[in-house]
Amino acid sequence: NKVQADSWLKSEWERRRSGTWVERRPSITLRCFVDEQWWPWMTHLSDRPADGYRLVLRTWVYPTLPRPGRSSISLGDTPVAEITEDDVRAWYAASKARGREARLANAYRLLGEVMRAAEERGVIARSPVRIKGAGTEVAPERTVLTVDELVALARAMEPRYQAMVLLAAFGALRWGESLGLQRRDIDFVRGGVTLR
């Protein structure tokens, strides 16, 4: 009716004045936005990270997830302009029930990046991805071996692996560096190891 139309027009003018107005376009789902507008921006990605992003989108962002006592949520099939902060919170809560918090944090960061791109392109006025701390991974505390436990571990290994274990631990070698060591890398006269 006329009262509703006047109210809508007033709110549109307010948005325009405040700079939050977004041009009305045909609804584009999150999945279509990613495929048609976000991926073309991601030309700097090599195959491996791009495949990782696709996997995260396919397994964490796009699936339909149940919500207790309410209808299920599917961000992938929702028009980008209609995704609200409540929708993101519902998706996050439903995804959290799946476990694997590190992967969820990764998915949340990726969703945030996609929605910021939508904001920059004028598809939405403001990104609804605003849960504080949701993109932070919390790794479980790892136990650290004592020196005695480490030496006992090295002695329990096959003789050909003992030096590698000790070098990795006391020389702070990474896994690939340890595996790449060869006899020519060890200087028995000076007692040193060369990493190439």
N, C-alpha and C. Protein backbone atom coordinates (compact mmCIF):
# COMPACT_ATOMS: atom_id res chain seq x y z
N ASN A 1 0.84 -1.19 0.00
CA ASN A 1 0.00 0.00 0.00
C ASN A 1 0.88 1.25 0.00
N LYS A 2 0.23 2.42 -0.04
CA LYS A 2 0.97 3.67 -0.18
C LYS A 2 1.86 3.95 1.02
N VAL A 3 1.38 3.64 2.22
CA VAL A 3 2.17 3.89 3.43
C VAL A 3 3.46 3.06 3.40
N GLN A 4 3.34 1.77 3.04
CA GLN A 4 4.52 0.91 2.94
C GLN A 4 5.47 1.39 1.85
N ALA A 5 4.90 1.81 0.72
CA ALA A 5 5.74 2.29 -0.38
C ALA A 5 6.49 3.56 0.03
N ASP A 6 5.81 4.49 0.72
CA ASP A 6 6.49 5.71 1.19
C ASP A 6 7.59 5.37 2.19
N SER A 7 7.30 4.44 3.08
CA SER A 7 8.30 4.01 4.07
C SER A 7 9.52 3.40 3.38
N TRP A 8 9.27 2.55 2.38
CA TRP A 8 10.37 1.92 1.63
C TRP A 8 11.21 2.99 0.92
N LEU A 9 10.52 3.95 0.27
CA LEU A 9 11.23 5.00 -0.45
C LEU A 9 12.07 5.85 0.49
N LYS A 10 11.52 6.15 1.67
CA LYS A 10 12.27 6.93 2.65
C LYS A 10 13.53 6.18 3.09
N SER A 11 13.39 4.87 3.34
CA SER A 11 14.56 4.09 3.77
C SER A 11 15.60 4.00 2.67
N GLU A 12 15.15 3.93 1.41
CA GLU A 12 16.09 3.91 0.29
C GLU A 12 16.86 5.22 0.20
N TRP A 13 16.16 6.35 0.40
CA TRP A 13 16.83 7.65 0.37
C TRP A 13 17.83 7.78 1.52
N GLU A 14 17.44 7.27 2.71
CA GLU A 14 18.34 7.31 3.86
C GLU A 14 19.62 6.51 3.56
N ARG A 15 19.45 5.35 2.98
CA ARG A 15 20.62 4.53 2.62
C ARG A 15 21.50 5.25 1.61
N ARG A 16 20.87 5.90 0.66
CA ARG A 16 21.63 6.61 -0.37
C ARG A 16 22.44 7.75 0.24
N ARG A 17 21.80 8.49 1.16
CA ARG A 17 22.50 9.60 1.82
C ARG A 17 23.65 9.10 2.69
N SER A 18 23.46 7.95 3.36
CA SER A 18 24.49 7.44 4.27
C SER A 18 25.58 6.65 3.54
N GLY A 19 25.38 6.39 2.25
CA GLY A 19 26.39 5.67 1.47
C GLY A 19 26.27 4.17 1.58
N THR A 20 25.16 3.66 2.13
CA THR A 20 25.00 2.21 2.25
C THR A 20 24.04 1.64 1.21
N TRP A 21 23.60 2.48 0.31
CA TRP A 21 22.66 2.03 -0.72
C TRP A 21 23.37 1.16 -1.74
N VAL A 22 22.73 0.10 -2.14
CA VAL A 22 23.27 -0.81 -3.15
C VAL A 22 22.29 -0.88 -4.29
N GLU A 23 22.81 -0.77 -5.49
CA GLU A 23 21.95 -0.85 -6.68
C GLU A 23 21.26 -2.20 -6.71
N ARG A 24 19.95 -2.19 -6.91
CA ARG A 24 19.20 -3.44 -6.97
C ARG A 24 19.53 -4.17 -8.26
N ARG A 25 19.98 -5.38 -8.13
CA ARG A 25 20.30 -6.20 -9.30
C ARG A 25 19.56 -7.51 -9.18
N PRO A 26 19.47 -8.26 -10.26
CA PRO A 26 18.85 -9.58 -10.13
C PRO A 26 19.61 -10.38 -9.08
N SER A 27 18.88 -11.15 -8.29
CA SER A 27 19.51 -11.92 -7.23
C SER A 27 20.54 -12.88 -7.79
N ILE A 28 21.71 -12.89 -7.19
CA ILE A 28 22.76 -13.81 -7.58
C ILE A 28 23.15 -14.59 -6.33
N THR A 29 23.10 -15.90 -6.42
CA THR A 29 23.42 -16.71 -5.26
C THR A 29 24.91 -16.61 -4.94
N LEU A 30 25.25 -17.00 -3.73
CA LEU A 30 26.66 -16.96 -3.32
C LEU A 30 27.50 -17.84 -4.24
N ARG A 31 26.99 -19.02 -4.56
CA ARG A 31 27.72 -19.93 -5.44
C ARG A 31 27.96 -19.30 -6.81
N CYS A 32 26.95 -18.65 -7.38
CA CYS A 32 27.10 -18.00 -8.69
C CYS A 32 28.03 -16.80 -8.61
N PHE A 33 27.95 -16.04 -7.52
CA PHE A 33 28.85 -14.90 -7.36
C PHE A 33 30.30 -15.37 -7.34
N VAL A 34 30.56 -16.43 -6.59
CA VAL A 34 31.93 -16.97 -6.52
C VAL A 34 32.39 -17.40 -7.91
N ASP A 35 31.56 -18.16 -8.61
CA ASP A 35 31.95 -18.68 -9.93
C ASP A 35 32.12 -17.59 -10.98
N GLU A 36 31.21 -16.62 -10.98
CA GLU A 36 31.19 -15.64 -12.06
C GLU A 36 32.00 -14.37 -11.78
N GLN A 37 32.09 -13.98 -10.50
CA GLN A 37 32.73 -12.70 -10.21
C GLN A 37 33.95 -12.79 -9.30
N TRP A 38 33.97 -13.76 -8.37
CA TRP A 38 35.09 -13.81 -7.44
C TRP A 38 36.29 -14.56 -8.02
N TRP A 39 36.04 -15.72 -8.64
CA TRP A 39 37.17 -16.49 -9.21
C TRP A 39 37.95 -15.70 -10.25
N PRO A 40 37.32 -14.93 -11.13
CA PRO A 40 38.11 -14.15 -12.09
C PRO A 40 39.09 -13.17 -11.42
N TRP A 41 38.80 -12.73 -10.21
CA TRP A 41 39.73 -11.87 -9.47
C TRP A 41 40.91 -12.65 -8.92
N MET A 42 40.76 -13.95 -8.77
CA MET A 42 41.75 -14.77 -8.10
C MET A 42 42.79 -15.35 -9.06
N THR A 43 43.15 -14.60 -10.07
CA THR A 43 44.09 -15.09 -11.08
C THR A 43 45.49 -15.30 -10.52
N HIS A 44 45.81 -14.68 -9.39
CA HIS A 44 47.14 -14.81 -8.79
C HIS A 44 47.33 -16.16 -8.09
N LEU A 45 46.25 -16.91 -7.88
CA LEU A 45 46.37 -18.19 -7.17
C LEU A 45 46.91 -19.28 -8.09
N SER A 46 47.82 -20.07 -7.56
CA SER A 46 48.28 -21.24 -8.32
C SER A 46 47.25 -22.36 -8.12
N ASP A 47 47.46 -23.48 -8.78
CA ASP A 47 46.47 -24.55 -8.76
C ASP A 47 46.20 -25.11 -7.37
N ARG A 48 47.25 -25.30 -6.59
CA ARG A 48 47.07 -25.94 -5.28
C ARG A 48 46.20 -25.11 -4.34
N PRO A 49 46.50 -23.81 -4.13
CA PRO A 49 45.61 -23.03 -3.26
C PRO A 49 44.19 -22.91 -3.84
N ALA A 50 44.08 -22.78 -5.15
CA ALA A 50 42.76 -22.67 -5.77
C ALA A 50 41.95 -23.93 -5.52
N ASP A 51 42.58 -25.09 -5.65
CA ASP A 51 41.89 -26.35 -5.38
C ASP A 51 41.48 -26.44 -3.91
N GLY A 52 42.34 -25.94 -3.03
CA GLY A 52 42.01 -25.92 -1.60
C GLY A 52 40.81 -25.03 -1.32
N TYR A 53 40.75 -23.86 -1.96
CA TYR A 53 39.60 -22.97 -1.80
C TYR A 53 38.32 -23.63 -2.31
N ARG A 54 38.41 -24.27 -3.46
CA ARG A 54 37.23 -24.95 -4.02
C ARG A 54 36.73 -26.04 -3.07
N LEU A 55 37.66 -26.78 -2.48
CA LEU A 55 37.29 -27.84 -1.55
C LEU A 55 36.61 -27.25 -0.31
N VAL A 56 37.15 -26.16 0.22
CA VAL A 56 36.56 -25.52 1.40
C VAL A 56 35.16 -25.02 1.07
N LEU A 57 34.99 -24.39 -0.07
CA LEU A 57 33.67 -23.90 -0.47
C LEU A 57 32.69 -25.06 -0.61
N ARG A 58 33.12 -26.12 -1.29
CA ARG A 58 32.24 -27.26 -1.57
C ARG A 58 31.87 -28.03 -0.29
N THR A 59 32.81 -28.15 0.64
CA THR A 59 32.54 -28.99 1.81
C THR A 59 32.10 -28.23 3.05
N TRP A 60 32.37 -26.91 3.11
CA TRP A 60 32.03 -26.16 4.32
C TRP A 60 31.04 -25.03 4.10
N VAL A 61 31.16 -24.29 3.00
CA VAL A 61 30.33 -23.10 2.82
C VAL A 61 29.01 -23.43 2.10
N TYR A 62 29.06 -24.24 1.05
CA TYR A 62 27.88 -24.50 0.23
C TYR A 62 26.88 -25.52 0.79
N PRO A 63 27.27 -26.52 1.55
CA PRO A 63 26.31 -27.55 1.95
C PRO A 63 25.12 -27.00 2.74
N THR A 64 24.01 -27.69 2.63
CA THR A 64 22.83 -27.38 3.42
C THR A 64 23.03 -27.99 4.80
N LEU A 65 22.89 -27.17 5.83
CA LEU A 65 23.13 -27.62 7.20
C LEU A 65 21.86 -27.51 8.01
N PRO A 66 21.58 -28.52 8.85
CA PRO A 66 20.38 -28.46 9.69
C PRO A 66 20.56 -27.49 10.84
N ARG A 67 19.45 -26.86 11.25
CA ARG A 67 19.45 -25.98 12.42
C ARG A 67 18.39 -26.51 13.38
N PRO A 68 18.74 -26.74 14.62
CA PRO A 68 17.77 -27.28 15.58
C PRO A 68 16.54 -26.38 15.71
N GLY A 69 15.38 -26.95 15.51
CA GLY A 69 14.14 -26.22 15.68
C GLY A 69 13.80 -25.23 14.59
N ARG A 70 14.62 -25.13 13.55
CA ARG A 70 14.36 -24.18 12.47
C ARG A 70 14.67 -24.85 11.14
N SER A 71 14.37 -24.13 10.06
CA SER A 71 14.67 -24.68 8.74
C SER A 71 16.18 -24.72 8.53
N SER A 72 16.62 -25.58 7.65
CA SER A 72 18.05 -25.72 7.38
C SER A 72 18.58 -24.46 6.69
N ILE A 73 19.90 -24.33 6.68
CA ILE A 73 20.54 -23.16 6.06
C ILE A 73 21.49 -23.61 4.97
N SER A 74 21.47 -22.90 3.85
CA SER A 74 22.37 -23.19 2.74
C SER A 74 22.85 -21.86 2.18
N LEU A 75 24.05 -21.45 2.58
CA LEU A 75 24.56 -20.16 2.10
C LEU A 75 24.83 -20.19 0.60
N GLY A 76 25.25 -21.32 0.09
CA GLY A 76 25.59 -21.43 -1.34
C GLY A 76 24.42 -21.12 -2.25
N ASP A 77 23.21 -21.46 -1.81
CA ASP A 77 22.02 -21.26 -2.64
C ASP A 77 21.23 -20.02 -2.25
N THR A 78 21.77 -19.22 -1.35
CA THR A 78 21.11 -17.99 -0.91
C THR A 78 21.64 -16.82 -1.72
N PRO A 79 20.77 -15.92 -2.20
CA PRO A 79 21.26 -14.72 -2.87
C PRO A 79 22.19 -13.93 -1.96
N VAL A 80 23.30 -13.47 -2.49
CA VAL A 80 24.31 -12.77 -1.70
C VAL A 80 23.71 -11.60 -0.95
N ALA A 81 22.86 -10.82 -1.61
CA ALA A 81 22.28 -9.62 -0.99
C ALA A 81 21.31 -9.97 0.13
N GLU A 82 20.89 -11.22 0.23
CA GLU A 82 19.94 -11.62 1.27
C GLU A 82 20.61 -12.31 2.45
N ILE A 83 21.92 -12.54 2.38
CA ILE A 83 22.62 -13.18 3.50
C ILE A 83 22.81 -12.15 4.61
N THR A 84 22.28 -12.46 5.78
CA THR A 84 22.35 -11.54 6.91
C THR A 84 23.37 -12.03 7.93
N GLU A 85 23.66 -11.19 8.92
CA GLU A 85 24.55 -11.60 10.00
C GLU A 85 23.97 -12.80 10.74
N ASP A 86 22.64 -12.82 10.89
CA ASP A 86 22.00 -13.96 11.55
C ASP A 86 22.20 -15.24 10.75
N ASP A 87 22.14 -15.14 9.42
CA ASP A 87 22.37 -16.32 8.58
C ASP A 87 23.80 -16.84 8.76
N VAL A 88 24.75 -15.91 8.80
CA VAL A 88 26.16 -16.30 8.97
C VAL A 88 26.35 -16.94 10.34
N ARG A 89 25.72 -16.37 11.37
CA ARG A 89 25.83 -16.95 12.71
C ARG A 89 25.19 -18.35 12.75
N ALA A 90 24.05 -18.51 12.08
CA ALA A 90 23.39 -19.83 12.04
C ALA A 90 24.26 -20.84 11.29
N TRP A 91 24.84 -20.41 10.18
CA TRP A 91 25.75 -21.29 9.42
C TRP A 91 26.94 -21.67 10.28
N TYR A 92 27.51 -20.70 10.99
CA TYR A 92 28.69 -20.94 11.82
C TYR A 92 28.35 -21.94 12.93
N ALA A 93 27.21 -21.73 13.59
CA ALA A 93 26.81 -22.63 14.68
C ALA A 93 26.56 -24.04 14.15
N ALA A 94 25.89 -24.15 13.01
CA ALA A 94 25.63 -25.48 12.43
C ALA A 94 26.92 -26.14 11.98
N SER A 95 27.85 -25.34 11.46
CA SER A 95 29.14 -25.89 11.03
C SER A 95 30.00 -26.29 12.22
N LYS A 96 29.89 -25.54 13.30
CA LYS A 96 30.67 -25.85 14.50
C LYS A 96 30.28 -27.20 15.07
N ALA A 97 29.02 -27.57 14.89
CA ALA A 97 28.56 -28.87 15.38
C ALA A 97 29.24 -30.02 14.66
N ARG A 98 29.82 -29.75 13.50
CA ARG A 98 30.52 -30.79 12.74
C ARG A 98 31.90 -31.09 13.32
N GLY A 99 32.39 -30.23 14.21
CA GLY A 99 33.74 -30.40 14.76
C GLY A 99 34.76 -29.78 13.82
N ARG A 100 36.02 -30.11 13.99
CA ARG A 100 37.10 -29.62 13.14
C ARG A 100 37.16 -28.10 13.09
N GLU A 101 37.43 -27.52 14.23
CA GLU A 101 37.40 -26.07 14.36
C GLU A 101 38.42 -25.35 13.49
N ALA A 102 39.57 -25.97 13.24
CA ALA A 102 40.58 -25.33 12.39
C ALA A 102 40.06 -25.19 10.96
N ARG A 103 39.38 -26.21 10.48
CA ARG A 103 38.82 -26.12 9.12
C ARG A 103 37.67 -25.12 9.05
N LEU A 104 36.88 -25.06 10.10
CA LEU A 104 35.80 -24.08 10.15
C LEU A 104 36.36 -22.66 10.14
N ALA A 105 37.42 -22.43 10.88
CA ALA A 105 38.05 -21.10 10.89
C ALA A 105 38.53 -20.73 9.50
N ASN A 106 39.10 -21.70 8.79
CA ASN A 106 39.56 -21.48 7.42
C ASN A 106 38.37 -21.14 6.51
N ALA A 107 37.27 -21.88 6.66
CA ALA A 107 36.07 -21.63 5.86
C ALA A 107 35.49 -20.26 6.17
N TYR A 108 35.50 -19.87 7.44
CA TYR A 108 34.98 -18.57 7.83
C TYR A 108 35.80 -17.44 7.21
N ARG A 109 37.12 -17.59 7.22
CA ARG A 109 37.98 -16.56 6.61
C ARG A 109 37.72 -16.46 5.11
N LEU A 110 37.55 -17.60 4.46
CA LEU A 110 37.28 -17.60 3.02
C LEU A 110 35.93 -16.96 2.73
N LEU A 111 34.91 -17.29 3.51
CA LEU A 111 33.60 -16.66 3.34
C LEU A 111 33.71 -15.15 3.52
N GLY A 112 34.49 -14.72 4.51
CA GLY A 112 34.69 -13.29 4.74
C GLY A 112 35.35 -12.61 3.55
N GLU A 113 36.32 -13.29 2.95
CA GLU A 113 37.00 -12.73 1.78
C GLU A 113 36.03 -12.59 0.60
N VAL A 114 35.20 -13.61 0.40
CA VAL A 114 34.21 -13.55 -0.69
C VAL A 114 33.21 -12.43 -0.46
N MET A 115 32.73 -12.29 0.77
CA MET A 115 31.74 -11.25 1.06
C MET A 115 32.34 -9.85 1.00
N ARG A 116 33.62 -9.71 1.35
CA ARG A 116 34.28 -8.39 1.18
C ARG A 116 34.38 -8.04 -0.30
N ALA A 117 34.63 -9.04 -1.13
CA ALA A 117 34.67 -8.79 -2.58
C ALA A 117 33.29 -8.37 -3.07
N ALA A 118 32.24 -8.98 -2.54
CA ALA A 118 30.88 -8.60 -2.92
C ALA A 118 30.59 -7.17 -2.49
N GLU A 119 31.10 -6.79 -1.33
CA GLU A 119 30.93 -5.41 -0.86
C GLU A 119 31.68 -4.44 -1.77
N GLU A 120 32.91 -4.77 -2.14
CA GLU A 120 33.70 -3.91 -3.02
C GLU A 120 33.05 -3.75 -4.39
N ARG A 121 32.38 -4.79 -4.86
CA ARG A 121 31.74 -4.74 -6.17
C ARG A 121 30.36 -4.09 -6.12
N GLY A 122 29.89 -3.74 -4.94
CA GLY A 122 28.58 -3.10 -4.83
C GLY A 122 27.42 -4.07 -4.86
N VAL A 123 27.68 -5.35 -4.70
CA VAL A 123 26.60 -6.34 -4.69
C VAL A 123 25.87 -6.29 -3.34
N ILE A 124 26.62 -5.99 -2.27
CA ILE A 124 26.04 -5.81 -0.94
C ILE A 124 26.58 -4.51 -0.35
N ALA A 125 25.84 -3.97 0.60
CA ALA A 125 26.27 -2.71 1.22
C ALA A 125 27.34 -2.95 2.27
N ARG A 126 27.22 -4.06 3.00
CA ARG A 126 28.13 -4.34 4.10
C ARG A 126 28.23 -5.84 4.29
N SER A 127 29.44 -6.33 4.49
CA SER A 127 29.64 -7.76 4.68
C SER A 127 28.99 -8.22 5.98
N PRO A 128 28.22 -9.31 5.94
CA PRO A 128 27.59 -9.83 7.15
C PRO A 128 28.50 -10.77 7.94
N VAL A 129 29.72 -10.94 7.49
CA VAL A 129 30.66 -11.86 8.16
C VAL A 129 31.36 -11.06 9.26
N ARG A 130 30.82 -11.13 10.48
CA ARG A 130 31.29 -10.27 11.56
C ARG A 130 31.35 -10.97 12.92
N ILE A 131 31.61 -12.24 12.96
CA ILE A 131 31.70 -12.93 14.24
C ILE A 131 33.13 -12.79 14.76
N LYS A 132 33.27 -12.14 15.88
CA LYS A 132 34.60 -11.88 16.44
C LYS A 132 35.30 -13.19 16.81
N GLY A 133 36.51 -13.36 16.31
CA GLY A 133 37.32 -14.53 16.65
C GLY A 133 37.00 -15.80 15.89
N ALA A 134 35.99 -15.77 15.01
CA ALA A 134 35.59 -16.98 14.31
C ALA A 134 36.63 -17.45 13.30
N GLY A 135 37.43 -16.54 12.79
CA GLY A 135 38.44 -16.93 11.80
C GLY A 135 39.78 -17.30 12.42
N THR A 136 39.83 -17.36 13.75
CA THR A 136 41.07 -17.67 14.44
C THR A 136 41.13 -19.15 14.77
N GLU A 137 42.22 -19.77 14.39
CA GLU A 137 42.41 -21.19 14.70
C GLU A 137 43.04 -21.32 16.06
N VAL A 138 42.50 -22.20 16.85
CA VAL A 138 43.07 -22.48 18.17
C VAL A 138 43.58 -23.91 18.14
N ALA A 139 44.90 -24.04 18.09
CA ALA A 139 45.50 -25.36 18.04
C ALA A 139 45.58 -25.93 19.45
N PRO A 140 45.31 -27.23 19.59
CA PRO A 140 45.43 -27.82 20.93
C PRO A 140 46.88 -27.78 21.39
N GLU A 141 47.05 -27.66 22.69
CA GLU A 141 48.39 -27.61 23.26
C GLU A 141 49.11 -28.93 23.00
N ARG A 142 50.31 -28.82 22.47
CA ARG A 142 51.09 -30.03 22.19
C ARG A 142 52.06 -30.28 23.32
N THR A 143 52.21 -31.54 23.67
CA THR A 143 53.18 -31.87 24.70
C THR A 143 54.57 -31.90 24.07
N VAL A 144 55.53 -31.42 24.83
CA VAL A 144 56.91 -31.35 24.35
C VAL A 144 57.73 -32.38 25.12
N LEU A 145 58.55 -33.11 24.38
CA LEU A 145 59.40 -34.11 25.03
C LEU A 145 60.52 -33.43 25.81
N THR A 146 60.87 -34.04 26.92
CA THR A 146 62.05 -33.56 27.65
C THR A 146 63.29 -34.05 26.90
N VAL A 147 64.45 -33.54 27.27
CA VAL A 147 65.70 -33.96 26.61
C VAL A 147 65.91 -35.45 26.80
N ASP A 148 65.67 -35.95 28.01
CA ASP A 148 65.86 -37.38 28.28
C ASP A 148 64.90 -38.23 27.43
N GLU A 149 63.64 -37.79 27.33
CA GLU A 149 62.67 -38.53 26.51
C GLU A 149 63.07 -38.52 25.04
N LEU A 150 63.62 -37.40 24.58
CA LEU A 150 64.05 -37.28 23.19
C LEU A 150 65.22 -38.22 22.90
N VAL A 151 66.18 -38.25 23.80
CA VAL A 151 67.33 -39.14 23.62
C VAL A 151 66.86 -40.60 23.65
N ALA A 152 65.94 -40.93 24.55
CA ALA A 152 65.40 -42.29 24.61
C ALA A 152 64.66 -42.64 23.33
N LEU A 153 63.94 -41.68 22.77
CA LEU A 153 63.24 -41.91 21.50
C LEU A 153 64.23 -42.19 20.39
N ALA A 154 65.30 -41.39 20.31
CA ALA A 154 66.31 -41.60 19.27
C ALA A 154 66.96 -42.96 19.40
N ARG A 155 67.25 -43.38 20.63
CA ARG A 155 67.87 -44.69 20.85
C ARG A 155 66.93 -45.83 20.47
N ALA A 156 65.63 -45.61 20.60
CA ALA A 156 64.66 -46.65 20.27
C ALA A 156 64.45 -46.79 18.76
N MET A 157 64.91 -45.81 17.99
CA MET A 157 64.75 -45.84 16.53
C MET A 157 65.79 -46.77 15.91
N GLU A 158 65.55 -47.14 14.66
CA GLU A 158 66.57 -47.88 13.91
C GLU A 158 67.82 -47.00 13.84
N PRO A 159 69.01 -47.58 13.86
CA PRO A 159 70.25 -46.78 13.88
C PRO A 159 70.32 -45.77 12.74
N ARG A 160 69.80 -46.09 11.57
CA ARG A 160 69.91 -45.16 10.44
C ARG A 160 69.06 -43.89 10.63
N TYR A 161 68.08 -43.91 11.56
CA TYR A 161 67.23 -42.74 11.80
C TYR A 161 67.62 -41.95 13.05
N GLN A 162 68.51 -42.48 13.86
CA GLN A 162 68.84 -41.83 15.13
C GLN A 162 69.40 -40.42 14.93
N ALA A 163 70.36 -40.29 14.03
CA ALA A 163 70.96 -38.97 13.80
C ALA A 163 69.94 -37.98 13.27
N MET A 164 69.03 -38.45 12.40
CA MET A 164 68.01 -37.56 11.84
C MET A 164 67.10 -37.02 12.94
N VAL A 165 66.71 -37.89 13.88
CA VAL A 165 65.83 -37.46 14.97
C VAL A 165 66.54 -36.42 15.84
N LEU A 166 67.79 -36.67 16.18
CA LEU A 166 68.54 -35.74 17.02
C LEU A 166 68.81 -34.42 16.31
N LEU A 167 69.16 -34.49 15.02
CA LEU A 167 69.38 -33.25 14.26
C LEU A 167 68.10 -32.44 14.12
N ALA A 168 67.00 -33.13 13.88
CA ALA A 168 65.72 -32.42 13.74
C ALA A 168 65.35 -31.72 15.04
N ALA A 169 65.58 -32.38 16.15
CA ALA A 169 65.19 -31.81 17.44
C ALA A 169 66.14 -30.71 17.88
N PHE A 170 67.44 -30.98 17.90
CA PHE A 170 68.39 -30.02 18.44
C PHE A 170 68.87 -29.01 17.40
N GLY A 171 68.73 -29.33 16.13
CA GLY A 171 69.15 -28.40 15.08
C GLY A 171 67.99 -27.65 14.46
N ALA A 172 66.78 -27.91 14.97
CA ALA A 172 65.56 -27.25 14.49
C ALA A 172 65.37 -27.44 12.99
N LEU A 173 65.64 -28.65 12.50
CA LEU A 173 65.43 -28.95 11.08
C LEU A 173 63.96 -29.26 10.83
N ARG A 174 63.46 -28.83 9.71
CA ARG A 174 62.11 -29.19 9.30
C ARG A 174 62.12 -30.59 8.70
N TRP A 175 60.95 -31.15 8.54
CA TRP A 175 60.81 -32.52 8.04
C TRP A 175 61.49 -32.68 6.69
N GLY A 176 61.23 -31.80 5.74
CA GLY A 176 61.82 -31.89 4.41
C GLY A 176 63.33 -31.74 4.44
N GLU A 177 63.82 -30.87 5.31
CA GLU A 177 65.27 -30.69 5.45
C GLU A 177 65.92 -31.96 5.99
N SER A 178 65.27 -32.57 6.97
CA SER A 178 65.81 -33.81 7.55
C SER A 178 65.85 -34.92 6.51
N LEU A 179 64.79 -35.05 5.74
CA LEU A 179 64.73 -36.12 4.73
C LEU A 179 65.70 -35.86 3.58
N GLY A 180 66.03 -34.60 3.33
CA GLY A 180 66.90 -34.27 2.21
C GLY A 180 68.39 -34.36 2.51
N LEU A 181 68.74 -34.62 3.76
CA LEU A 181 70.16 -34.71 4.11
C LEU A 181 70.83 -35.91 3.44
N GLN A 182 72.06 -35.69 3.00
CA GLN A 182 72.86 -36.76 2.40
C GLN A 182 74.22 -36.79 3.08
N ARG A 183 74.98 -37.84 2.83
CA ARG A 183 76.29 -37.98 3.49
C ARG A 183 77.20 -36.80 3.19
N ARG A 184 77.13 -36.28 1.97
CA ARG A 184 78.01 -35.16 1.60
C ARG A 184 77.68 -33.88 2.37
N ASP A 185 76.51 -33.84 3.02
CA ASP A 185 76.11 -32.66 3.79
C ASP A 185 76.72 -32.65 5.19
N ILE A 186 77.35 -33.75 5.60
CA ILE A 186 77.89 -33.85 6.95
C ILE A 186 79.41 -33.70 6.88
N ASP A 187 79.93 -32.75 7.65
CA ASP A 187 81.37 -32.50 7.73
C ASP A 187 81.87 -33.12 9.03
N PHE A 188 82.47 -34.32 8.91
CA PHE A 188 82.91 -35.04 10.11
C PHE A 188 84.15 -34.40 10.72
N VAL A 189 84.94 -33.66 9.94
CA VAL A 189 86.15 -33.03 10.47
C VAL A 189 85.77 -31.86 11.39
N ARG A 190 84.90 -30.96 10.91
CA ARG A 190 84.52 -29.80 11.71
C ARG A 190 83.29 -30.07 12.60
N GLY A 191 82.63 -31.18 12.34
CA GLY A 191 81.43 -31.51 13.13
C GLY A 191 80.26 -30.63 12.79
N GLY A 192 79.99 -30.44 11.49
CA GLY A 192 78.88 -29.58 11.06
C GLY A 192 77.99 -30.24 10.02
N VAL A 193 76.86 -29.64 9.81
CA VAL A 193 75.90 -30.13 8.81
C VAL A 193 75.54 -28.95 7.92
N THR A 194 75.51 -29.20 6.60
CA THR A 194 75.15 -28.16 5.64
C THR A 194 73.76 -28.45 5.08
N LEU A 195 72.87 -27.45 5.16
CA LEU A 195 71.54 -27.58 4.56
C LEU A 195 71.54 -26.92 3.20
N ARG A 196 71.10 -27.65 2.18
CA ARG A 196 71.06 -27.10 0.84
C ARG A 196 69.62 -26.81 0.45
